[in-house]
Amino acid sequence: MASVYSNNTTSLNQSFQYQNSTHSYTVKWCALGNPASPPLIFIHGTPWSSRLWVPFAISLSRQFHVYLFDRPGFGVSPPERKLPGTTTSPSKVEELDADLARQSEVYAALFKSWEKEWLNQKAHIVAHDNAGLVSLRANLLHDCQYASLCLIDVVAIGPFGQSLFEVVANDPHHFQQLPDMAFEGILESYIRNAAFYEIPKEIMQTLKSPWMREGGKAGFIRELCQANSRSTEAVEARYGEIGRNMPIKIIWGAEDKWIPVESAWRLGDALEAKEVAVIEKAGHLSMLDQPGQFGVELGRWLSTFELR
């Protein structure tokens, strides 16, 4: 398993350019499998990247045309860039360009650029962590229509408790002054806390390496501030609409320390989900803790749909 995650088994060799009135973006992506197969999109959360999905993407590319991408500021995709002469709110979050609404907008634009090639097919979506909220916002606010939606340990429904996100967002500049050694310790501890089992050394290196290069510390702090801005108000009251328009499955780690498993059932009720699956001895990274069971749950879900 470590070699699949750690080696460059897939390369994000395509670039998508997007610009709105305030920012420009470059998103790195790739596709696996037969373009005539049903589309399947994996969306990573924070502070992860598309590397988290690689083993499952490779396996499922036998039946699906699988899309992987790194969201702006994650993995190999550079952070968003503020356009010259643009003024935005002076808040700490805006100063760090950490706006989940903009992330959702960029994903929706990327989605629609792919959609043109699907010959009237709809994509199946698999989303983890705050990518759950990104996928839900894109559906409700940007008219991205899905064939199905599978949500894994997602940020999507309040209330949210005290977390490192909130601590950093309250004083991001203090954390930017940390020595590199102290920052690496916090980063590694943060990642380790997401898993139930000890993360193998090679996989840990893969997960933390994007944040250890030049500019990575500021990027990581930016993403924590973004994660603290869990703006669900615009969509949470409308979750029932989604469940009535498409099948939804929720997968959750029983030992998730970041978002307690009780949220899975509350979200399932709000979304009118078809199924809620809880994986024992798994934390927030159930795809790492229990890759076999996670793969079975995901494969069983996707196999329920008629494939060409």
C-alpha atoms as a PDB file:
ATOM      1  CA  MET A   1       0.000   0.000   0.000  1.00  0.00           C
ATOM      2  CA  ALA A   2       2.784   2.424   0.865  1.00  0.00           C
ATOM      3  CA  SER A   3       4.378   2.160  -2.570  1.00  0.00           C
ATOM      4  CA  VAL A   4       1.083   2.953  -4.339  1.00  0.00           C
ATOM      5  CA  TYR A   5       0.592   6.104  -2.277  1.00  0.00           C
ATOM      6  CA  SER A   6       4.222   7.178  -2.273  1.00  0.00           C
ATOM      7  CA  ASN A   7       5.323   6.553  -5.845  1.00  0.00           C
ATOM      8  CA  ASN A   8       4.275   8.674  -8.774  1.00  0.00           C
ATOM      9  CA  THR A   9       1.761   6.068  -9.966  1.00  0.00           C
ATOM     10  CA  THR A  10      -0.446   8.779 -11.418  1.00  0.00           C
ATOM     11  CA  SER A  11       0.630  12.179 -12.643  1.00  0.00           C
ATOM     12  CA  LEU A  12      -1.609  15.246 -12.684  1.00  0.00           C
ATOM     13  CA  ASN A  13      -0.453  16.156 -16.168  1.00  0.00           C
ATOM     14  CA  GLN A  14      -3.356  18.380 -17.206  1.00  0.00           C
ATOM     15  CA  SER A  15      -3.956  22.028 -16.232  1.00  0.00           C
ATOM     16  CA  PHE A  16      -7.222  23.904 -15.905  1.00  0.00           C
ATOM     17  CA  GLN A  17      -7.148  27.705 -15.851  1.00  0.00           C
ATOM     18  CA  TYR A  18      -9.928  29.725 -14.275  1.00  0.00           C
ATOM     19  CA  GLN A  19     -10.384  33.382 -13.393  1.00  0.00           C
ATOM     20  CA  ASN A  20     -13.177  35.318 -11.712  1.00  0.00           C
ATOM     21  CA  SER A  21     -13.386  39.029 -10.880  1.00  0.00           C
ATOM     22  CA  THR A  22     -10.888  38.825  -8.017  1.00  0.00           C
ATOM     23  CA  HIS A  23      -8.643  35.744  -8.416  1.00  0.00           C
ATOM     24  CA  SER A  24      -6.986  33.449 -10.920  1.00  0.00           C
ATOM     25  CA  TYR A  25      -6.480  29.707 -10.484  1.00  0.00           C
ATOM     26  CA  THR A  26      -4.537  26.797 -11.920  1.00  0.00           C
ATOM     27  CA  VAL A  27      -5.814  23.318 -11.103  1.00  0.00           C
ATOM     28  CA  LYS A  28      -3.721  20.247 -11.900  1.00  0.00           C
ATOM     29  CA  TRP A  29      -5.668  17.128 -12.859  1.00  0.00           C
ATOM     30  CA  CYS A  30      -5.638  13.836 -14.724  1.00  0.00           C
ATOM     31  CA  ALA A  31      -8.071  11.194 -15.924  1.00  0.00           C
ATOM     32  CA  LEU A  32      -7.753   7.390 -15.866  1.00  0.00           C
ATOM     33  CA  GLY A  33      -9.653   4.763 -17.813  1.00  0.00           C
ATOM     34  CA  ASN A  34     -11.787   4.731 -20.930  1.00  0.00           C
ATOM     35  CA  PRO A  35     -13.319   8.149 -21.762  1.00  0.00           C
ATOM     36  CA  ALA A  36     -16.479   6.340 -22.894  1.00  0.00           C
ATOM     37  CA  SER A  37     -16.992   4.852 -19.407  1.00  0.00           C
ATOM     38  CA  PRO A  38     -19.194   6.584 -16.819  1.00  0.00           C
ATOM     39  CA  PRO A  39     -17.369   9.532 -15.191  1.00  0.00           C
ATOM     40  CA  LEU A  40     -16.256   9.251 -11.559  1.00  0.00           C
ATOM     41  CA  ILE A  41     -14.715  12.209  -9.690  1.00  0.00           C
ATOM     42  CA  PHE A  42     -12.738  11.981  -6.448  1.00  0.00           C
ATOM     43  CA  ILE A  43     -12.504  15.197  -4.381  1.00  0.00           C
ATOM     44  CA  HIS A  44     -10.017  15.442  -1.522  1.00  0.00           C
ATOM     45  CA  GLY A  45     -10.371  17.489   1.657  1.00  0.00           C
ATOM     46  CA  THR A  46      -7.877  19.389   3.790  1.00  0.00           C
ATOM     47  CA  PRO A  47      -4.929  19.123   4.323  1.00  0.00           C
ATOM     48  CA  TRP A  48      -4.817  16.235   1.858  1.00  0.00           C
ATOM     49  CA  SER A  49      -4.429  15.906  -1.905  1.00  0.00           C
ATOM     50  CA  SER A  50      -5.523  13.591  -4.709  1.00  0.00           C
ATOM     51  CA  ARG A  51      -2.771  11.151  -3.650  1.00  0.00           C
ATOM     52  CA  LEU A  52      -5.179   9.864  -1.001  1.00  0.00           C
ATOM     53  CA  TRP A  53      -7.384   8.399  -3.725  1.00  0.00           C
ATOM     54  CA  VAL A  54      -4.782   6.789  -5.980  1.00  0.00           C
ATOM     55  CA  PRO A  55      -5.272   3.052  -5.128  1.00  0.00           C
ATOM     56  CA  PHE A  56      -9.048   3.312  -5.467  1.00  0.00           C
ATOM     57  CA  ALA A  57      -8.848   5.422  -8.639  1.00  0.00           C
ATOM     58  CA  ILE A  58      -6.563   2.888 -10.327  1.00  0.00           C
ATOM     59  CA  SER A  59      -8.856  -0.021  -9.444  1.00  0.00           C
ATOM     60  CA  LEU A  60     -12.086   1.724 -10.428  1.00  0.00           C
ATOM     61  CA  SER A  61     -10.648   3.021 -13.706  1.00  0.00           C
ATOM     62  CA  ARG A  62     -11.446  -0.424 -15.157  1.00  0.00           C
ATOM     63  CA  GLN A  63     -15.128   0.491 -15.066  1.00  0.00           C
ATOM     64  CA  PHE A  64     -15.123   4.293 -14.866  1.00  0.00           C
ATOM     65  CA  HIS A  65     -13.455   7.284 -16.446  1.00  0.00           C
ATOM     66  CA  VAL A  66     -11.863   8.500 -13.204  1.00  0.00           C
ATOM     67  CA  TYR A  67     -10.890  12.122 -12.563  1.00  0.00           C
ATOM     68  CA  LEU A  68      -8.321  13.152  -9.949  1.00  0.00           C
ATOM     69  CA  PHE A  69      -7.329  16.721  -9.165  1.00  0.00           C
ATOM     70  CA  ASP A  70      -5.622  18.819  -6.522  1.00  0.00           C
ATOM     71  CA  ARG A  71      -7.723  21.728  -5.320  1.00  0.00           C
ATOM     72  CA  PRO A  72      -6.089  25.196  -5.474  1.00  0.00           C
ATOM     73  CA  GLY A  73      -3.350  25.419  -2.847  1.00  0.00           C
ATOM     74  CA  PHE A  74      -3.156  21.644  -2.295  1.00  0.00           C
ATOM     75  CA  GLY A  75      -0.739  19.051  -3.622  1.00  0.00           C
ATOM     76  CA  VAL A  76       0.748  20.265  -6.909  1.00  0.00           C
ATOM     77  CA  SER A  77      -1.892  22.929  -7.621  1.00  0.00           C
ATOM     78  CA  PRO A  78      -0.636  26.425  -6.738  1.00  0.00           C
ATOM     79  CA  PRO A  79      -2.651  28.688  -4.419  1.00  0.00           C
ATOM     80  CA  GLU A  80      -5.145  31.094  -5.903  1.00  0.00           C
ATOM     81  CA  ARG A  81      -3.678  34.426  -7.007  1.00  0.00           C
ATOM     82  CA  LYS A  82      -5.335  37.751  -6.282  1.00  0.00           C
ATOM     83  CA  LEU A  83      -5.688  39.856  -9.417  1.00  0.00           C
ATOM     84  CA  PRO A  84      -3.801  43.192  -9.486  1.00  0.00           C
ATOM     85  CA  GLY A  85      -5.868  46.086  -8.156  1.00  0.00           C
ATOM     86  CA  THR A  86      -8.335  43.774  -6.420  1.00  0.00           C
ATOM     87  CA  THR A  87      -9.491  44.761  -2.948  1.00  0.00           C
ATOM     88  CA  THR A  88     -11.169  42.312  -0.597  1.00  0.00           C
ATOM     89  CA  SER A  89     -12.296  42.268   3.006  1.00  0.00           C
ATOM     90  CA  PRO A  90      -9.450  42.960   5.469  1.00  0.00           C
ATOM     91  CA  SER A  91     -10.382  39.960   7.633  1.00  0.00           C
ATOM     92  CA  LYS A  92      -7.720  37.405   8.545  1.00  0.00           C
ATOM     93  CA  VAL A  93      -9.351  34.759   6.407  1.00  0.00           C
ATOM     94  CA  GLU A  94      -9.553  36.994   3.336  1.00  0.00           C
ATOM     95  CA  GLU A  95      -5.991  38.181   3.874  1.00  0.00           C
ATOM     96  CA  LEU A  96      -4.891  34.552   3.607  1.00  0.00           C
ATOM     97  CA  ASP A  97      -7.098  33.899   0.565  1.00  0.00           C
ATOM     98  CA  ALA A  98      -8.929  31.192   2.472  1.00  0.00           C
ATOM     99  CA  ASP A  99     -12.477  31.113   1.157  1.00  0.00           C
ATOM    100  CA  LEU A 100     -14.272  27.794   0.728  1.00  0.00           C
ATOM    101  CA  ALA A 101     -16.938  29.472  -1.423  1.00  0.00           C
ATOM    102  CA  ARG A 102     -14.262  30.300  -3.996  1.00  0.00           C
ATOM    103  CA  GLN A 103     -12.953  26.730  -3.838  1.00  0.00           C
ATOM    104  CA  SER A 104     -16.475  25.522  -4.622  1.00  0.00           C
ATOM    105  CA  GLU A 105     -16.719  27.950  -7.535  1.00  0.00           C
ATOM    106  CA  VAL A 106     -13.458  26.707  -9.045  1.00  0.00           C
ATOM    107  CA  TYR A 107     -14.470  23.060  -8.647  1.00  0.00           C
ATOM    108  CA  ALA A 108     -17.806  23.815 -10.348  1.00  0.00           C
ATOM    109  CA  ALA A 109     -16.005  25.452 -13.285  1.00  0.00           C
ATOM    110  CA  LEU A 110     -13.651  22.461 -13.570  1.00  0.00           C
ATOM    111  CA  PHE A 111     -16.606  20.070 -13.384  1.00  0.00           C
ATOM    112  CA  LYS A 112     -18.402  21.865 -16.207  1.00  0.00           C
ATOM    113  CA  SER A 113     -15.288  21.828 -18.381  1.00  0.00           C
ATOM    114  CA  TRP A 114     -15.219  18.018 -18.064  1.00  0.00           C
ATOM    115  CA  GLU A 115     -18.978  17.687 -18.429  1.00  0.00           C
ATOM    116  CA  LYS A 116     -18.798  18.758 -22.086  1.00  0.00           C
ATOM    117  CA  GLU A 117     -17.117  15.436 -22.919  1.00  0.00           C
ATOM    118  CA  TRP A 118     -19.598  13.135 -21.161  1.00  0.00           C
ATOM    119  CA  LEU A 119     -22.217  12.719 -23.884  1.00  0.00           C
ATOM    120  CA  ASN A 120     -25.127  13.512 -21.564  1.00  0.00           C
ATOM    121  CA  GLN A 121     -23.848  11.235 -18.791  1.00  0.00           C
ATOM    122  CA  LYS A 122     -23.719  12.384 -15.178  1.00  0.00           C
ATOM    123  CA  ALA A 123     -20.709  11.859 -12.934  1.00  0.00           C
ATOM    124  CA  HIS A 124     -20.535   9.862  -9.730  1.00  0.00           C
ATOM    125  CA  ILE A 125     -18.860  11.897  -6.958  1.00  0.00           C
ATOM    126  CA  VAL A 126     -16.752  10.698  -4.031  1.00  0.00           C
ATOM    127  CA  ALA A 127     -15.852  13.450  -1.533  1.00  0.00           C
ATOM    128  CA  HIS A 128     -13.947  13.484   1.757  1.00  0.00           C
ATOM    129  CA  ASP A 129     -13.691  16.010   4.610  1.00  0.00           C
ATOM    130  CA  ASN A 130     -14.571  19.587   3.566  1.00  0.00           C
ATOM    131  CA  ALA A 131     -14.812  18.428  -0.042  1.00  0.00           C
ATOM    132  CA  GLY A 132     -18.235  17.227   1.067  1.00  0.00           C
ATOM    133  CA  LEU A 133     -19.305  20.831   1.497  1.00  0.00           C
ATOM    134  CA  VAL A 134     -17.580  21.770  -1.771  1.00  0.00           C
ATOM    135  CA  SER A 135     -19.558  19.108  -3.658  1.00  0.00           C
ATOM    136  CA  LEU A 136     -22.851  20.056  -1.986  1.00  0.00           C
ATOM    137  CA  ARG A 137     -22.373  23.774  -2.686  1.00  0.00           C
ATOM    138  CA  ALA A 138     -21.510  23.028  -6.317  1.00  0.00           C
ATOM    139  CA  ASN A 139     -24.724  21.056  -6.709  1.00  0.00           C
ATOM    140  CA  LEU A 140     -27.049  23.524  -5.002  1.00  0.00           C
ATOM    141  CA  LEU A 141     -25.445  26.847  -5.944  1.00  0.00           C
ATOM    142  CA  HIS A 142     -23.656  26.115  -9.244  1.00  0.00           C
ATOM    143  CA  ASP A 143     -25.997  23.569 -10.854  1.00  0.00           C
ATOM    144  CA  CYS A 144     -23.505  20.681 -10.982  1.00  0.00           C
ATOM    145  CA  GLN A 145     -25.710  17.640 -11.468  1.00  0.00           C
ATOM    146  CA  TYR A 146     -24.475  14.242 -10.245  1.00  0.00           C
ATOM    147  CA  ALA A 147     -25.423  10.627 -10.888  1.00  0.00           C
ATOM    148  CA  SER A 148     -24.662   9.789  -7.251  1.00  0.00           C
ATOM    149  CA  LEU A 149     -22.823  11.182  -4.255  1.00  0.00           C
ATOM    150  CA  CYS A 150     -20.681   9.292  -1.740  1.00  0.00           C
ATOM    151  CA  LEU A 151     -19.570  11.351   1.266  1.00  0.00           C
ATOM    152  CA  ILE A 152     -16.768  10.175   3.555  1.00  0.00           C
ATOM    153  CA  ASP A 153     -16.286  11.760   7.005  1.00  0.00           C
ATOM    154  CA  VAL A 154     -17.346  15.103   5.592  1.00  0.00           C
ATOM    155  CA  VAL A 155     -17.610  18.626   6.923  1.00  0.00           C
ATOM    156  CA  ALA A 156     -21.189  19.477   6.017  1.00  0.00           C
ATOM    157  CA  ILE A 157     -23.439  19.861   9.050  1.00  0.00           C
ATOM    158  CA  GLY A 158     -23.103  21.882  12.262  1.00  0.00           C
ATOM    159  CA  PRO A 159     -22.640  22.547  15.075  1.00  0.00           C
ATOM    160  CA  PHE A 160     -18.840  22.433  14.986  1.00  0.00           C
ATOM    161  CA  GLY A 161     -16.716  22.289  18.107  1.00  0.00           C
ATOM    162  CA  GLN A 162     -13.405  23.888  19.093  1.00  0.00           C
ATOM    163  CA  SER A 163     -10.554  22.694  16.882  1.00  0.00           C
ATOM    164  CA  LEU A 164      -7.074  23.535  15.682  1.00  0.00           C
ATOM    165  CA  PHE A 165      -8.808  25.301  12.793  1.00  0.00           C
ATOM    166  CA  GLU A 166     -10.322  27.833  15.163  1.00  0.00           C
ATOM    167  CA  VAL A 167      -7.132  28.302  17.187  1.00  0.00           C
ATOM    168  CA  VAL A 168      -5.063  29.026  14.066  1.00  0.00           C
ATOM    169  CA  ALA A 169      -7.732  31.230  12.466  1.00  0.00           C
ATOM    170  CA  ASN A 170      -7.814  33.426  15.570  1.00  0.00           C
ATOM    171  CA  ASP A 171      -4.102  34.238  15.254  1.00  0.00           C
ATOM    172  CA  PRO A 172      -2.622  32.928  11.973  1.00  0.00           C
ATOM    173  CA  HIS A 173       0.415  35.227  12.052  1.00  0.00           C
ATOM    174  CA  HIS A 174       1.564  33.713  15.332  1.00  0.00           C
ATOM    175  CA  PHE A 175       1.719  30.279  13.693  1.00  0.00           C
ATOM    176  CA  GLN A 176       3.560  31.665  10.688  1.00  0.00           C
ATOM    177  CA  GLN A 177       6.418  32.632  13.018  1.00  0.00           C
ATOM    178  CA  LEU A 178       6.937  29.059  14.240  1.00  0.00           C
ATOM    179  CA  PRO A 179      10.369  27.527  13.503  1.00  0.00           C
ATOM    180  CA  ASP A 180      10.259  24.897  10.758  1.00  0.00           C
ATOM    181  CA  MET A 181      10.941  22.081  13.235  1.00  0.00           C
ATOM    182  CA  ALA A 182       8.026  23.101  15.446  1.00  0.00           C
ATOM    183  CA  PHE A 183       5.756  23.467  12.429  1.00  0.00           C
ATOM    184  CA  GLU A 184       6.672  20.004  11.154  1.00  0.00           C
ATOM    185  CA  GLY A 185       5.881  18.538  14.568  1.00  0.00           C
ATOM    186  CA  ILE A 186       2.441  20.161  14.623  1.00  0.00           C
ATOM    187  CA  LEU A 187       1.761  19.066  11.043  1.00  0.00           C
ATOM    188  CA  GLU A 188       2.730  15.456  11.669  1.00  0.00           C
ATOM    189  CA  SER A 189       0.751  15.295  14.903  1.00  0.00           C
ATOM    190  CA  TYR A 190      -2.258  16.788  13.135  1.00  0.00           C
ATOM    191  CA  ILE A 191      -2.118  14.196  10.344  1.00  0.00           C
ATOM    192  CA  ARG A 192      -1.531  11.326  12.779  1.00  0.00           C
ATOM    193  CA  ASN A 193      -4.596  12.366  14.780  1.00  0.00           C
ATOM    194  CA  ALA A 194      -6.769  11.791  11.709  1.00  0.00           C
ATOM    195  CA  ALA A 195      -6.053   8.055  11.651  1.00  0.00           C
ATOM    196  CA  PHE A 196      -6.979   5.236  14.009  1.00  0.00           C
ATOM    197  CA  TYR A 197      -3.831   3.236  13.281  1.00  0.00           C
ATOM    198  CA  GLU A 198      -0.259   4.482  13.043  1.00  0.00           C
ATOM    199  CA  ILE A 199       0.327   5.883   9.561  1.00  0.00           C
ATOM    200  CA  PRO A 200       3.256   4.146   7.805  1.00  0.00           C
ATOM    201  CA  LYS A 201       6.321   6.345   7.414  1.00  0.00           C
ATOM    202  CA  GLU A 202       6.190   6.456   3.601  1.00  0.00           C
ATOM    203  CA  ILE A 203       2.534   7.480   3.566  1.00  0.00           C
ATOM    204  CA  MET A 204       3.116  10.099   6.282  1.00  0.00           C
ATOM    205  CA  GLN A 205       5.884  11.580   4.162  1.00  0.00           C
ATOM    206  CA  THR A 206       3.577  11.680   1.135  1.00  0.00           C
ATOM    207  CA  LEU A 207       0.821  13.425   3.108  1.00  0.00           C
ATOM    208  CA  LYS A 208       3.010  16.058   4.704  1.00  0.00           C
ATOM    209  CA  SER A 209       5.549  16.726   1.925  1.00  0.00           C
ATOM    210  CA  PRO A 210       3.434  19.320   0.021  1.00  0.00           C
ATOM    211  CA  TRP A 211       3.390  21.464   3.169  1.00  0.00           C
ATOM    212  CA  MET A 212       7.111  21.141   3.876  1.00  0.00           C
ATOM    213  CA  ARG A 213       8.355  22.790   0.689  1.00  0.00           C
ATOM    214  CA  GLU A 214       8.877  26.532   0.260  1.00  0.00           C
ATOM    215  CA  GLY A 215       5.660  28.407   1.038  1.00  0.00           C
ATOM    216  CA  GLY A 216       4.095  25.286   2.510  1.00  0.00           C
ATOM    217  CA  LYS A 217       3.808  26.621   6.044  1.00  0.00           C
ATOM    218  CA  ALA A 218       1.828  29.664   4.926  1.00  0.00           C
ATOM    219  CA  GLY A 219      -0.273  27.428   2.698  1.00  0.00           C
ATOM    220  CA  PHE A 220      -1.085  25.031   5.509  1.00  0.00           C
ATOM    221  CA  ILE A 221      -2.103  27.898   7.792  1.00  0.00           C
ATOM    222  CA  ARG A 222      -4.240  29.319   4.999  1.00  0.00           C
ATOM    223  CA  GLU A 223      -6.041  26.000   4.582  1.00  0.00           C
ATOM    224  CA  LEU A 224      -6.678  25.697   8.331  1.00  0.00           C
ATOM    225  CA  CYS A 225      -8.246  29.156   8.285  1.00  0.00           C
ATOM    226  CA  GLN A 226     -10.323  28.078   5.323  1.00  0.00           C
ATOM    227  CA  ALA A 227     -11.406  24.905   7.103  1.00  0.00           C
ATOM    228  CA  ASN A 228     -12.541  27.029  10.046  1.00  0.00           C
ATOM    229  CA  SER A 229     -14.865  28.973   7.739  1.00  0.00           C
ATOM    230  CA  ARG A 230     -17.437  26.195   7.590  1.00  0.00           C
ATOM    231  CA  SER A 231     -20.076  28.274   5.906  1.00  0.00           C
ATOM    232  CA  THR A 232     -22.959  25.810   5.668  1.00  0.00           C
ATOM    233  CA  GLU A 233     -25.764  28.353   6.098  1.00  0.00           C
ATOM    234  CA  ALA A 234     -26.242  28.879   2.359  1.00  0.00           C
ATOM    235  CA  VAL A 235     -26.920  25.195   1.717  1.00  0.00           C
ATOM    236  CA  GLU A 236     -27.675  23.232   4.899  1.00  0.00           C
ATOM    237  CA  ALA A 237     -31.399  23.989   4.898  1.00  0.00           C
ATOM    238  CA  ARG A 238     -31.610  22.648   1.333  1.00  0.00           C
ATOM    239  CA  TYR A 239     -29.930  19.266   1.866  1.00  0.00           C
ATOM    240  CA  GLY A 240     -33.202  17.399   1.457  1.00  0.00           C
ATOM    241  CA  GLU A 241     -33.382  18.600  -2.152  1.00  0.00           C
ATOM    242  CA  ILE A 242     -30.173  16.739  -2.956  1.00  0.00           C
ATOM    243  CA  GLY A 243     -31.326  13.430  -1.523  1.00  0.00           C
ATOM    244  CA  ARG A 244     -34.557  13.648  -3.496  1.00  0.00           C
ATOM    245  CA  ASN A 245     -32.641  14.219  -6.746  1.00  0.00           C
ATOM    246  CA  MET A 246     -29.865  11.621  -6.495  1.00  0.00           C
ATOM    247  CA  PRO A 247     -28.807   8.575  -4.458  1.00  0.00           C
ATOM    248  CA  ILE A 248     -26.442   9.350  -1.572  1.00  0.00           C
ATOM    249  CA  LYS A 249     -24.246   7.115   0.550  1.00  0.00           C
ATOM    250  CA  ILE A 250     -22.351   8.207   3.661  1.00  0.00           C
ATOM    251  CA  ILE A 251     -19.249   6.371   4.917  1.00  0.00           C
ATOM    252  CA  TRP A 252     -17.803   7.248   8.324  1.00  0.00           C
ATOM    253  CA  GLY A 253     -15.001   6.044  10.550  1.00  0.00           C
ATOM    254  CA  ALA A 254     -16.382   4.903  13.914  1.00  0.00           C
ATOM    255  CA  GLU A 255     -13.329   6.374  15.683  1.00  0.00           C
ATOM    256  CA  ASP A 256     -13.223   9.717  13.855  1.00  0.00           C
ATOM    257  CA  LYS A 257     -11.698  12.208  16.334  1.00  0.00           C
ATOM    258  CA  TRP A 258     -12.265  15.193  14.056  1.00  0.00           C
ATOM    259  CA  ILE A 259     -15.968  14.768  13.323  1.00  0.00           C
ATOM    260  CA  PRO A 260     -17.801  12.327  15.629  1.00  0.00           C
ATOM    261  CA  VAL A 261     -19.680   9.478  14.001  1.00  0.00           C
ATOM    262  CA  GLU A 262     -22.978  10.890  15.312  1.00  0.00           C
ATOM    263  CA  SER A 263     -22.676  13.479  12.523  1.00  0.00           C
ATOM    264  CA  ALA A 264     -22.993  10.689   9.949  1.00  0.00           C
ATOM    265  CA  TRP A 265     -26.512   9.878  11.085  1.00  0.00           C
ATOM    266  CA  ARG A 266     -27.580  13.516  11.370  1.00  0.00           C
ATOM    267  CA  LEU A 267     -26.225  14.236   7.905  1.00  0.00           C
ATOM    268  CA  GLY A 268     -27.857  11.096   6.558  1.00  0.00           C
ATOM    269  CA  ASP A 269     -31.230  12.274   7.843  1.00  0.00           C
ATOM    270  CA  ALA A 270     -30.723  15.806   6.469  1.00  0.00           C
ATOM    271  CA  LEU A 271     -29.713  14.533   3.026  1.00  0.00           C
ATOM    272  CA  GLU A 272     -32.250  11.697   3.003  1.00  0.00           C
ATOM    273  CA  ALA A 273     -29.325   9.377   2.225  1.00  0.00           C
ATOM    274  CA  LYS A 274     -29.989   5.862   0.976  1.00  0.00           C
ATOM    275  CA  GLU A 275     -27.301   4.345   3.151  1.00  0.00           C
ATOM    276  CA  VAL A 276     -25.004   5.181   6.088  1.00  0.00           C
ATOM    277  CA  ALA A 277     -22.051   2.815   6.567  1.00  0.00           C
ATOM    278  CA  VAL A 278     -19.867   3.004   9.677  1.00  0.00           C
ATOM    279  CA  ILE A 279     -16.412   1.417   9.478  1.00  0.00           C
ATOM    280  CA  GLU A 280     -15.091   0.076  12.764  1.00  0.00           C
ATOM    281  CA  LYS A 281     -11.500   0.749  13.865  1.00  0.00           C
ATOM    282  CA  ALA A 282     -11.235   3.657  11.441  1.00  0.00           C
ATOM    283  CA  GLY A 283     -10.708   7.338  12.080  1.00  0.00           C
ATOM    284  CA  HIS A 284     -11.129  10.370   9.835  1.00  0.00           C
ATOM    285  CA  LEU A 285      -8.941   8.651   7.228  1.00  0.00           C
ATOM    286  CA  SER A 286     -10.978   5.484   6.866  1.00  0.00           C
ATOM    287  CA  MET A 287      -9.473   4.871   3.416  1.00  0.00           C
ATOM    288  CA  LEU A 288      -6.069   4.498   5.112  1.00  0.00           C
ATOM    289  CA  ASP A 289      -7.167   2.761   8.319  1.00  0.00           C
ATOM    290  CA  GLN A 290      -9.367   0.164   6.633  1.00  0.00           C
ATOM    291  CA  PRO A 291      -8.575   0.263   2.883  1.00  0.00           C
ATOM    292  CA  GLY A 292     -10.059  -3.174   2.277  1.00  0.00           C
ATOM    293  CA  GLN A 293     -13.401  -2.476   3.937  1.00  0.00           C
ATOM    294  CA  PHE A 294     -13.499   1.043   2.544  1.00  0.00           C
ATOM    295  CA  GLY A 295     -12.861  -0.279  -0.967  1.00  0.00           C
ATOM    296  CA  VAL A 296     -15.620  -2.864  -0.585  1.00  0.00           C
ATOM    297  CA  GLU A 297     -18.111  -0.219   0.620  1.00  0.00           C
ATOM    298  CA  LEU A 298     -17.227   2.117  -2.231  1.00  0.00           C
ATOM    299  CA  GLY A 299     -17.186  -0.627  -4.858  1.00  0.00           C
ATOM    300  CA  ARG A 300     -20.480  -2.081  -3.651  1.00  0.00           C
ATOM    301  CA  TRP A 301     -22.082   1.362  -3.817  1.00  0.00           C
ATOM    302  CA  LEU A 302     -20.876   2.110  -7.322  1.00  0.00           C
ATOM    303  CA  SER A 303     -21.778  -1.381  -8.566  1.00  0.00           C
ATOM    304  CA  THR A 304     -25.449  -0.673  -7.841  1.00  0.00           C
ATOM    305  CA  PHE A 305     -25.553   1.666 -10.828  1.00  0.00           C
ATOM    306  CA  GLU A 306     -25.944   0.378 -14.342  1.00  0.00           C
ATOM    307  CA  LEU A 307     -22.590   0.653 -16.093  1.00  0.00           C
ATOM    308  CA  ARG A 308     -21.947   0.627 -19.800  1.00  0.00           C
END
